[in-house]
N, C-alpha and C. Protein backbone atom coordinates (compact mmCIF):
# COMPACT_ATOMS: atom_id res chain seq x y z
N UNK A 1 235.65 33.87 194.24
CA UNK A 1 236.26 32.58 193.99
C UNK A 1 237.74 32.65 194.36
N UNK A 2 238.20 31.72 195.19
CA UNK A 2 239.61 31.73 195.59
C UNK A 2 240.56 31.58 194.39
N UNK A 3 241.73 32.15 194.54
CA UNK A 3 242.74 32.10 193.48
C UNK A 3 243.44 30.75 193.39
N UNK A 4 243.30 29.92 194.42
CA UNK A 4 243.91 28.58 194.41
C UNK A 4 242.83 27.56 194.74
N UNK A 5 243.08 26.33 194.39
CA UNK A 5 242.13 25.26 194.71
C UNK A 5 242.23 24.95 196.20
N UNK A 6 241.12 25.11 196.88
CA UNK A 6 241.03 24.79 198.31
C UNK A 6 240.12 23.58 198.40
N UNK A 7 240.67 22.47 198.83
CA UNK A 7 239.96 21.19 198.78
C UNK A 7 239.09 20.94 200.02
N UNK A 8 238.52 22.01 200.57
CA UNK A 8 237.60 21.87 201.68
C UNK A 8 236.56 22.98 201.56
N UNK A 9 235.54 22.92 202.36
CA UNK A 9 234.44 23.88 202.29
C UNK A 9 234.58 25.02 203.31
N UNK A 10 235.73 25.14 203.94
CA UNK A 10 235.89 26.12 205.01
C UNK A 10 236.21 27.50 204.46
N UNK A 11 235.60 28.53 205.03
CA UNK A 11 235.86 29.90 204.56
C UNK A 11 237.12 30.49 205.19
N UNK A 12 237.55 31.61 204.61
CA UNK A 12 238.62 32.41 205.19
C UNK A 12 239.89 31.63 205.48
N UNK A 13 240.54 32.02 206.55
CA UNK A 13 241.80 31.40 206.91
C UNK A 13 241.64 29.92 207.28
N UNK A 14 240.45 29.54 207.72
CA UNK A 14 240.24 28.13 208.09
C UNK A 14 240.45 27.20 206.90
N UNK A 15 239.98 27.59 205.74
CA UNK A 15 240.20 26.79 204.54
C UNK A 15 241.68 26.68 204.20
N UNK A 16 242.41 27.80 204.35
CA UNK A 16 243.83 27.81 204.05
C UNK A 16 244.62 26.97 205.05
N UNK A 17 244.28 27.07 206.32
CA UNK A 17 244.98 26.31 207.35
C UNK A 17 244.73 24.81 207.21
N UNK A 18 243.52 24.46 206.84
CA UNK A 18 243.20 23.05 206.61
C UNK A 18 243.93 22.52 205.38
N UNK A 19 244.03 23.35 204.37
CA UNK A 19 244.73 22.98 203.14
C UNK A 19 246.21 22.73 203.40
N UNK A 20 246.82 23.55 204.24
CA UNK A 20 248.27 23.48 204.48
C UNK A 20 248.58 23.32 205.96
N UNK A 21 248.44 22.12 206.50
CA UNK A 21 248.72 21.92 207.93
C UNK A 21 250.15 22.25 208.33
N UNK A 22 251.07 22.17 207.37
CA UNK A 22 252.47 22.49 207.69
C UNK A 22 252.65 23.97 208.03
N UNK A 23 251.90 24.84 207.37
CA UNK A 23 251.96 26.26 207.72
C UNK A 23 250.93 26.62 208.78
N UNK A 24 249.87 25.80 208.89
CA UNK A 24 248.84 26.07 209.89
C UNK A 24 249.40 26.00 211.30
N UNK A 25 250.27 25.04 211.55
CA UNK A 25 250.80 24.86 212.91
C UNK A 25 251.51 26.11 213.41
N UNK A 26 252.50 26.65 212.70
CA UNK A 26 253.16 27.85 213.24
C UNK A 26 252.25 29.08 213.25
N UNK A 27 251.37 29.21 212.27
CA UNK A 27 250.46 30.37 212.27
C UNK A 27 249.49 30.29 213.44
N UNK A 28 249.00 29.10 213.74
CA UNK A 28 248.10 28.93 214.88
C UNK A 28 248.83 29.13 216.20
N UNK A 29 250.06 28.65 216.28
CA UNK A 29 250.86 28.86 217.49
C UNK A 29 251.11 30.35 217.72
N UNK A 30 251.38 31.08 216.65
CA UNK A 30 251.59 32.52 216.78
C UNK A 30 250.31 33.20 217.27
N UNK A 31 249.17 32.84 216.70
CA UNK A 31 247.90 33.44 217.14
C UNK A 31 247.66 33.14 218.62
N UNK A 32 247.89 31.90 219.04
CA UNK A 32 247.74 31.57 220.46
C UNK A 32 248.68 32.39 221.34
N UNK A 33 249.94 32.51 220.93
CA UNK A 33 250.91 33.27 221.71
C UNK A 33 250.49 34.73 221.83
N UNK A 34 250.02 35.30 220.75
CA UNK A 34 249.66 36.72 220.75
C UNK A 34 248.33 37.00 221.45
N UNK A 35 247.37 36.11 221.28
CA UNK A 35 246.01 36.44 221.69
C UNK A 35 245.50 35.68 222.91
N UNK A 36 246.21 34.62 223.32
CA UNK A 36 245.69 33.80 224.41
C UNK A 36 246.64 33.61 225.58
N UNK A 37 247.93 33.66 225.35
CA UNK A 37 248.88 33.45 226.45
C UNK A 37 248.70 34.53 227.51
N UNK A 38 249.09 34.24 228.75
CA UNK A 38 249.01 35.27 229.80
C UNK A 38 249.76 36.53 229.38
N UNK A 39 249.14 37.67 229.62
CA UNK A 39 249.71 38.97 229.25
C UNK A 39 248.99 40.06 230.03
N UNK A 40 249.59 41.23 230.14
CA UNK A 40 248.91 42.33 230.84
C UNK A 40 247.58 42.74 230.19
N UNK A 41 247.50 42.67 228.86
CA UNK A 41 246.23 42.96 228.19
C UNK A 41 245.36 41.71 228.26
N UNK A 42 244.08 41.91 228.44
CA UNK A 42 243.17 40.76 228.48
C UNK A 42 243.07 40.13 227.09
N UNK A 43 242.58 38.92 227.05
CA UNK A 43 242.38 38.26 225.76
C UNK A 43 241.42 39.07 224.89
N UNK A 44 240.37 39.57 225.49
CA UNK A 44 239.40 40.37 224.74
C UNK A 44 240.02 41.63 224.16
N UNK A 45 240.88 42.29 224.94
CA UNK A 45 241.55 43.50 224.44
C UNK A 45 242.46 43.16 223.27
N UNK A 46 243.17 42.05 223.36
CA UNK A 46 244.08 41.67 222.27
C UNK A 46 243.28 41.28 221.03
N UNK A 47 242.15 40.62 221.21
CA UNK A 47 241.28 40.31 220.07
C UNK A 47 240.73 41.59 219.45
N UNK A 48 240.46 42.59 220.29
CA UNK A 48 239.98 43.87 219.77
C UNK A 48 241.04 44.53 218.89
N UNK A 49 242.30 44.46 219.30
CA UNK A 49 243.38 44.99 218.46
C UNK A 49 243.39 44.26 217.11
N UNK A 50 243.26 42.94 217.13
CA UNK A 50 243.24 42.16 215.89
C UNK A 50 242.05 42.55 215.01
N UNK A 51 240.88 42.71 215.61
CA UNK A 51 239.69 43.11 214.86
C UNK A 51 239.85 44.51 214.29
N UNK A 52 240.40 45.42 215.08
CA UNK A 52 240.56 46.81 214.65
C UNK A 52 241.51 46.91 213.46
N UNK A 53 242.66 46.26 213.54
CA UNK A 53 243.62 46.27 212.43
C UNK A 53 243.00 45.62 211.20
N UNK A 54 242.31 44.51 211.39
CA UNK A 54 241.66 43.83 210.27
C UNK A 54 240.62 44.74 209.62
N UNK A 55 239.89 45.49 210.44
CA UNK A 55 238.93 46.45 209.89
C UNK A 55 239.60 47.55 209.09
N UNK A 56 240.69 48.08 209.63
CA UNK A 56 241.43 49.12 208.89
C UNK A 56 241.97 48.58 207.57
N UNK A 57 242.33 47.30 207.56
CA UNK A 57 242.83 46.68 206.33
C UNK A 57 241.71 46.26 205.39
N UNK A 58 240.47 46.34 205.83
CA UNK A 58 239.34 45.97 204.99
C UNK A 58 239.17 44.47 204.80
N UNK A 59 239.70 43.68 205.70
CA UNK A 59 239.61 42.22 205.61
C UNK A 59 238.37 41.77 206.37
N UNK A 60 237.28 41.58 205.64
CA UNK A 60 235.99 41.29 206.27
C UNK A 60 236.00 40.02 207.09
N UNK A 61 236.62 38.95 206.58
CA UNK A 61 236.62 37.69 207.32
C UNK A 61 237.28 37.89 208.69
N UNK A 62 238.48 38.43 208.71
CA UNK A 62 239.22 38.59 209.97
C UNK A 62 238.55 39.62 210.88
N UNK A 63 238.00 40.69 210.31
CA UNK A 63 237.29 41.68 211.12
C UNK A 63 236.11 41.03 211.82
N UNK A 64 235.30 40.29 211.06
CA UNK A 64 234.12 39.66 211.64
C UNK A 64 234.50 38.59 212.66
N UNK A 65 235.50 37.78 212.34
CA UNK A 65 235.91 36.72 213.26
C UNK A 65 236.45 37.29 214.56
N UNK A 66 237.40 38.19 214.49
CA UNK A 66 238.02 38.70 215.70
C UNK A 66 237.11 39.67 216.46
N UNK A 67 236.17 40.29 215.77
CA UNK A 67 235.15 41.07 216.47
C UNK A 67 234.30 40.14 217.34
N UNK A 68 233.91 39.00 216.79
CA UNK A 68 233.12 38.04 217.57
C UNK A 68 233.95 37.48 218.73
N UNK A 69 235.23 37.21 218.48
CA UNK A 69 236.09 36.67 219.53
C UNK A 69 236.29 37.71 220.64
N UNK A 70 236.44 38.97 220.26
CA UNK A 70 236.58 40.04 221.25
C UNK A 70 235.29 40.22 222.03
N UNK A 71 234.16 40.26 221.33
CA UNK A 71 232.87 40.47 221.97
C UNK A 71 232.57 39.37 223.00
N UNK A 72 233.00 38.16 222.71
CA UNK A 72 232.76 37.04 223.62
C UNK A 72 233.59 37.16 224.90
N UNK A 73 234.59 38.04 224.89
CA UNK A 73 235.51 38.10 226.03
C UNK A 73 235.58 39.48 226.69
N UNK A 74 234.84 40.44 226.17
CA UNK A 74 234.86 41.78 226.74
C UNK A 74 233.52 42.13 227.36
N UNK A 75 233.57 42.78 228.52
CA UNK A 75 232.36 43.33 229.08
C UNK A 75 231.89 44.42 228.10
N UNK A 76 230.65 44.39 227.76
CA UNK A 76 230.15 45.33 226.75
C UNK A 76 229.90 44.63 225.43
N UNK A 77 230.50 43.45 225.26
CA UNK A 77 230.24 42.58 224.13
C UNK A 77 230.25 43.23 222.76
N UNK A 78 229.29 42.82 221.95
CA UNK A 78 229.23 43.24 220.55
C UNK A 78 229.07 44.75 220.40
N UNK A 79 228.27 45.38 221.26
CA UNK A 79 228.06 46.82 221.16
C UNK A 79 229.38 47.57 221.37
N UNK A 80 230.17 47.15 222.33
CA UNK A 80 231.46 47.78 222.59
C UNK A 80 232.39 47.62 221.39
N UNK A 81 232.45 46.41 220.86
CA UNK A 81 233.35 46.14 219.73
C UNK A 81 232.94 46.97 218.52
N UNK A 82 231.66 47.01 218.21
CA UNK A 82 231.18 47.80 217.06
C UNK A 82 231.53 49.28 217.24
N UNK A 83 231.33 49.79 218.44
CA UNK A 83 231.65 51.19 218.71
C UNK A 83 233.15 51.44 218.57
N UNK A 84 233.97 50.52 219.07
CA UNK A 84 235.43 50.68 218.98
C UNK A 84 235.91 50.65 217.54
N UNK A 85 235.34 49.78 216.73
CA UNK A 85 235.76 49.70 215.33
C UNK A 85 235.30 50.92 214.55
N UNK A 86 234.15 51.46 214.90
CA UNK A 86 233.62 52.63 214.19
C UNK A 86 234.38 53.90 214.53
N UNK A 87 234.67 54.08 215.82
CA UNK A 87 235.36 55.31 216.26
C UNK A 87 235.91 55.11 217.67
N UNK A 88 237.17 54.67 217.77
CA UNK A 88 237.74 54.42 219.10
C UNK A 88 237.67 55.64 220.03
N UNK A 89 237.76 56.83 219.47
CA UNK A 89 237.75 58.04 220.30
C UNK A 89 236.41 58.24 220.99
N UNK A 90 235.33 57.79 220.36
CA UNK A 90 233.99 57.97 220.93
C UNK A 90 233.48 56.71 221.64
N UNK A 91 234.15 55.60 221.47
CA UNK A 91 233.70 54.34 222.07
C UNK A 91 233.94 54.33 223.58
N UNK A 92 233.14 53.57 224.31
CA UNK A 92 233.33 53.49 225.76
C UNK A 92 234.52 52.59 226.13
N UNK A 93 235.70 53.05 225.75
CA UNK A 93 236.95 52.34 226.02
C UNK A 93 237.74 53.10 227.07
N UNK A 94 238.67 52.41 227.70
CA UNK A 94 239.58 53.11 228.59
C UNK A 94 240.54 53.95 227.74
N UNK A 95 241.12 54.95 228.35
CA UNK A 95 242.12 55.76 227.63
C UNK A 95 243.30 54.90 227.21
N UNK A 96 243.65 53.93 228.03
CA UNK A 96 244.74 53.01 227.70
C UNK A 96 244.42 52.26 226.41
N UNK A 97 243.20 51.74 226.30
CA UNK A 97 242.83 50.98 225.11
C UNK A 97 242.76 51.89 223.89
N UNK A 98 242.25 53.09 224.05
CA UNK A 98 242.24 54.04 222.92
C UNK A 98 243.67 54.30 222.43
N UNK A 99 244.58 54.50 223.38
CA UNK A 99 245.97 54.78 223.01
C UNK A 99 246.62 53.57 222.33
N UNK A 100 246.30 52.38 222.81
CA UNK A 100 246.87 51.18 222.18
C UNK A 100 246.30 50.98 220.77
N UNK A 101 245.03 51.29 220.57
CA UNK A 101 244.47 51.19 219.21
C UNK A 101 245.10 52.23 218.29
N UNK A 102 245.46 53.39 218.83
CA UNK A 102 246.18 54.38 218.02
C UNK A 102 247.52 53.81 217.56
N UNK A 103 248.22 53.15 218.47
CA UNK A 103 249.49 52.51 218.10
C UNK A 103 249.24 51.46 217.02
N UNK A 104 248.22 50.64 217.21
CA UNK A 104 247.91 49.60 216.22
C UNK A 104 247.64 50.21 214.85
N UNK A 105 246.92 51.32 214.83
CA UNK A 105 246.63 51.98 213.55
C UNK A 105 247.90 52.50 212.89
N UNK A 106 248.82 53.00 213.68
CA UNK A 106 250.08 53.48 213.11
C UNK A 106 250.91 52.33 212.55
N UNK A 107 250.94 51.21 213.25
CA UNK A 107 251.68 50.04 212.76
C UNK A 107 251.08 49.60 211.43
N UNK A 108 249.79 49.56 211.35
CA UNK A 108 249.09 49.14 210.14
C UNK A 108 249.35 50.11 208.98
N UNK A 109 249.51 51.36 209.29
CA UNK A 109 249.60 52.37 208.24
C UNK A 109 250.98 52.69 207.74
N UNK A 110 252.00 52.26 208.41
CA UNK A 110 253.35 52.65 208.00
C UNK A 110 254.35 51.56 208.32
N UNK A 111 255.43 51.57 207.59
CA UNK A 111 256.57 50.74 207.96
C UNK A 111 257.59 51.70 208.53
N UNK A 112 257.80 51.61 209.80
CA UNK A 112 258.69 52.53 210.49
C UNK A 112 258.25 52.64 211.93
N UNK A 113 258.95 53.45 212.68
CA UNK A 113 258.63 53.57 214.10
C UNK A 113 257.24 54.15 214.34
N UNK A 114 256.61 53.68 215.39
CA UNK A 114 255.39 54.30 215.88
C UNK A 114 255.80 55.68 216.40
N UNK A 115 254.91 56.64 216.27
CA UNK A 115 255.26 58.00 216.69
C UNK A 115 255.51 58.08 218.20
N UNK A 116 256.42 58.96 218.57
CA UNK A 116 256.68 59.21 220.00
C UNK A 116 255.41 59.66 220.71
N UNK A 117 254.57 60.42 219.99
CA UNK A 117 253.33 60.91 220.58
C UNK A 117 252.39 59.75 220.94
N UNK A 118 252.30 58.76 220.06
CA UNK A 118 251.42 57.62 220.33
C UNK A 118 251.94 56.80 221.50
N UNK A 119 253.23 56.60 221.57
CA UNK A 119 253.83 55.86 222.68
C UNK A 119 253.65 56.63 223.98
N UNK A 120 253.90 57.93 223.94
CA UNK A 120 253.74 58.76 225.14
C UNK A 120 252.29 58.74 225.63
N UNK A 121 251.34 58.80 224.71
CA UNK A 121 249.93 58.75 225.09
C UNK A 121 249.59 57.41 225.74
N UNK A 122 250.12 56.32 225.19
CA UNK A 122 249.86 55.00 225.77
C UNK A 122 250.46 54.91 227.18
N UNK A 123 251.69 55.40 227.33
CA UNK A 123 252.32 55.38 228.66
C UNK A 123 251.55 56.25 229.65
N UNK A 124 251.12 57.41 229.21
CA UNK A 124 250.36 58.31 230.09
C UNK A 124 249.03 57.69 230.51
N UNK A 125 248.50 56.81 229.67
CA UNK A 125 247.23 56.14 229.98
C UNK A 125 247.44 54.84 230.76
N UNK A 126 248.69 54.53 231.10
CA UNK A 126 248.96 53.38 231.95
C UNK A 126 249.51 52.15 231.25
N UNK A 127 249.77 52.22 229.96
CA UNK A 127 250.32 51.06 229.25
C UNK A 127 251.81 50.95 229.52
N UNK A 128 252.26 49.74 229.75
CA UNK A 128 253.67 49.48 229.97
C UNK A 128 254.33 48.94 228.71
N UNK A 129 255.61 48.63 228.85
CA UNK A 129 256.37 48.12 227.71
C UNK A 129 255.75 46.88 227.09
N UNK A 130 255.28 45.94 227.91
CA UNK A 130 254.72 44.71 227.38
C UNK A 130 253.46 44.98 226.56
N UNK A 131 252.60 45.84 227.05
CA UNK A 131 251.37 46.17 226.31
C UNK A 131 251.68 46.86 225.00
N UNK A 132 252.65 47.77 225.01
CA UNK A 132 253.04 48.45 223.77
C UNK A 132 253.65 47.44 222.80
N UNK A 133 254.55 46.60 223.30
CA UNK A 133 255.16 45.56 222.47
C UNK A 133 254.09 44.65 221.86
N UNK A 134 253.19 44.15 222.71
CA UNK A 134 252.19 43.20 222.24
C UNK A 134 251.26 43.83 221.22
N UNK A 135 250.89 45.09 221.42
CA UNK A 135 250.03 45.78 220.46
C UNK A 135 250.72 45.88 219.10
N UNK A 136 251.99 46.25 219.11
CA UNK A 136 252.73 46.36 217.85
C UNK A 136 252.81 45.00 217.17
N UNK A 137 253.12 43.96 217.92
CA UNK A 137 253.26 42.63 217.32
C UNK A 137 251.92 42.09 216.82
N UNK A 138 250.85 42.29 217.57
CA UNK A 138 249.53 41.86 217.10
C UNK A 138 249.16 42.60 215.82
N UNK A 139 249.36 43.91 215.80
CA UNK A 139 249.03 44.69 214.60
C UNK A 139 249.85 44.23 213.40
N UNK A 140 251.13 44.02 213.60
CA UNK A 140 251.98 43.57 212.49
C UNK A 140 251.57 42.18 212.02
N UNK A 141 251.32 41.28 212.94
CA UNK A 141 250.92 39.92 212.57
C UNK A 141 249.59 39.92 211.83
N UNK A 142 248.66 40.76 212.26
CA UNK A 142 247.37 40.77 211.59
C UNK A 142 247.42 41.43 210.22
N UNK A 143 248.38 42.28 209.99
CA UNK A 143 248.59 42.73 208.61
C UNK A 143 248.96 41.53 207.74
N UNK A 144 249.80 40.63 208.27
CA UNK A 144 250.17 39.43 207.53
C UNK A 144 248.96 38.50 207.36
N UNK A 145 248.27 38.18 208.46
CA UNK A 145 247.11 37.29 208.37
C UNK A 145 246.07 37.86 207.39
N UNK A 146 245.82 39.16 207.47
CA UNK A 146 244.84 39.79 206.58
C UNK A 146 245.23 39.63 205.12
N UNK A 147 246.49 39.85 204.84
CA UNK A 147 246.95 39.73 203.45
C UNK A 147 246.87 38.28 202.97
N UNK A 148 247.16 37.34 203.83
CA UNK A 148 247.07 35.92 203.50
C UNK A 148 245.63 35.57 203.10
N UNK A 149 244.68 36.00 203.89
CA UNK A 149 243.27 35.70 203.64
C UNK A 149 242.76 36.40 202.39
N UNK A 150 243.04 37.68 202.26
CA UNK A 150 242.49 38.45 201.13
C UNK A 150 243.25 38.25 199.83
N UNK A 151 244.55 38.08 199.88
CA UNK A 151 245.33 37.95 198.65
C UNK A 151 244.96 36.68 197.89
N UNK A 152 244.52 35.65 198.61
CA UNK A 152 244.10 34.41 197.94
C UNK A 152 242.60 34.38 197.69
N UNK A 153 241.92 35.50 197.96
CA UNK A 153 240.48 35.65 197.66
C UNK A 153 239.65 34.54 198.29
N UNK A 154 239.90 34.27 199.57
CA UNK A 154 239.14 33.21 200.26
C UNK A 154 237.67 33.60 200.36
N UNK A 155 236.86 32.60 200.54
CA UNK A 155 235.41 32.79 200.64
C UNK A 155 235.03 33.31 202.02
N UNK A 156 233.92 34.04 202.08
CA UNK A 156 233.33 34.44 203.35
C UNK A 156 232.26 33.41 203.71
N UNK A 157 232.02 33.20 205.00
CA UNK A 157 230.95 32.26 205.39
C UNK A 157 229.60 32.78 204.92
N UNK A 158 228.74 31.88 204.55
CA UNK A 158 227.38 32.27 204.15
C UNK A 158 226.51 32.55 205.36
N UNK A 159 226.76 31.85 206.46
CA UNK A 159 225.98 31.99 207.68
C UNK A 159 226.64 33.02 208.60
N UNK A 160 225.95 34.14 208.88
CA UNK A 160 226.55 35.14 209.77
C UNK A 160 226.83 34.61 211.17
N UNK A 161 226.13 33.55 211.58
CA UNK A 161 226.37 32.96 212.89
C UNK A 161 227.67 32.17 212.96
N UNK A 162 228.33 31.98 211.83
CA UNK A 162 229.59 31.26 211.78
C UNK A 162 230.60 31.85 212.76
N UNK A 163 230.67 33.16 212.82
CA UNK A 163 231.67 33.83 213.66
C UNK A 163 231.36 33.67 215.15
N UNK A 164 230.10 33.79 215.53
CA UNK A 164 229.77 33.64 216.95
C UNK A 164 229.92 32.20 217.40
N UNK A 165 229.64 31.25 216.52
CA UNK A 165 229.88 29.84 216.85
C UNK A 165 231.38 29.60 217.04
N UNK A 166 232.18 30.17 216.16
CA UNK A 166 233.64 30.03 216.27
C UNK A 166 234.19 30.70 217.51
N UNK A 167 233.54 31.76 217.96
CA UNK A 167 234.03 32.49 219.13
C UNK A 167 234.10 31.58 220.35
N UNK A 168 233.09 30.77 220.56
CA UNK A 168 233.10 29.91 221.74
C UNK A 168 234.23 28.89 221.66
N UNK A 169 234.50 28.37 220.46
CA UNK A 169 235.63 27.43 220.30
C UNK A 169 236.95 28.11 220.62
N UNK A 170 237.12 29.34 220.14
CA UNK A 170 238.37 30.06 220.40
C UNK A 170 238.52 30.35 221.89
N UNK A 171 237.45 30.81 222.53
CA UNK A 171 237.51 31.10 223.96
C UNK A 171 237.87 29.84 224.74
N UNK A 172 237.26 28.73 224.37
CA UNK A 172 237.48 27.47 225.10
C UNK A 172 238.79 26.78 224.75
N UNK A 173 239.16 26.76 223.47
CA UNK A 173 240.25 25.90 223.02
C UNK A 173 241.42 26.61 222.36
N UNK A 174 241.25 27.84 221.94
CA UNK A 174 242.33 28.55 221.27
C UNK A 174 242.40 28.28 219.79
N UNK A 175 243.52 28.64 219.22
CA UNK A 175 243.70 28.60 217.78
C UNK A 175 244.35 27.33 217.28
N UNK A 176 244.76 26.45 218.15
CA UNK A 176 245.46 25.25 217.75
C UNK A 176 244.71 24.36 216.79
N UNK A 177 243.41 24.50 216.71
CA UNK A 177 242.60 23.69 215.81
C UNK A 177 242.45 24.35 214.45
N UNK A 178 243.13 25.49 214.23
CA UNK A 178 243.04 26.15 212.94
C UNK A 178 241.89 27.11 212.80
N UNK A 179 241.21 27.45 213.91
CA UNK A 179 240.08 28.36 213.86
C UNK A 179 240.52 29.79 213.72
């Protein structure tokens, strides 16, 4: 049961964004900027970072949502995403993506600089400044989004298909609608 009265039937962050359109607008704009705007990392890769951080934080709603969004945009789909969330080192990912997920995990786990070793590994695997920057910012932002969703004890969807249905909306339209 949510800690606050949510006057709609929407689960997770969608209920919160609908409740507070004044905060929904900048939060949705941030998600679009991080996950959809043109960038060296693909949209699917950036969604994978969001799903991975959400999984490390134990935020089921965000993990499930961003896993579906990543799967809809990555070759390898759901199987790749599940493997990456379970064990990035063993998943069929590029070395660059493994290194970026290592950076994301460090951002999630500490307040302070990412280790020189993690940055060096990402650079050695072909990641540039923009990819390293974007990974850090996505990981930091999803720590915030995860805490927003879980701290208010939002509901999870009853229908497991909710996430895959939402994935197509995100792929087509982005986050501006509060998805």
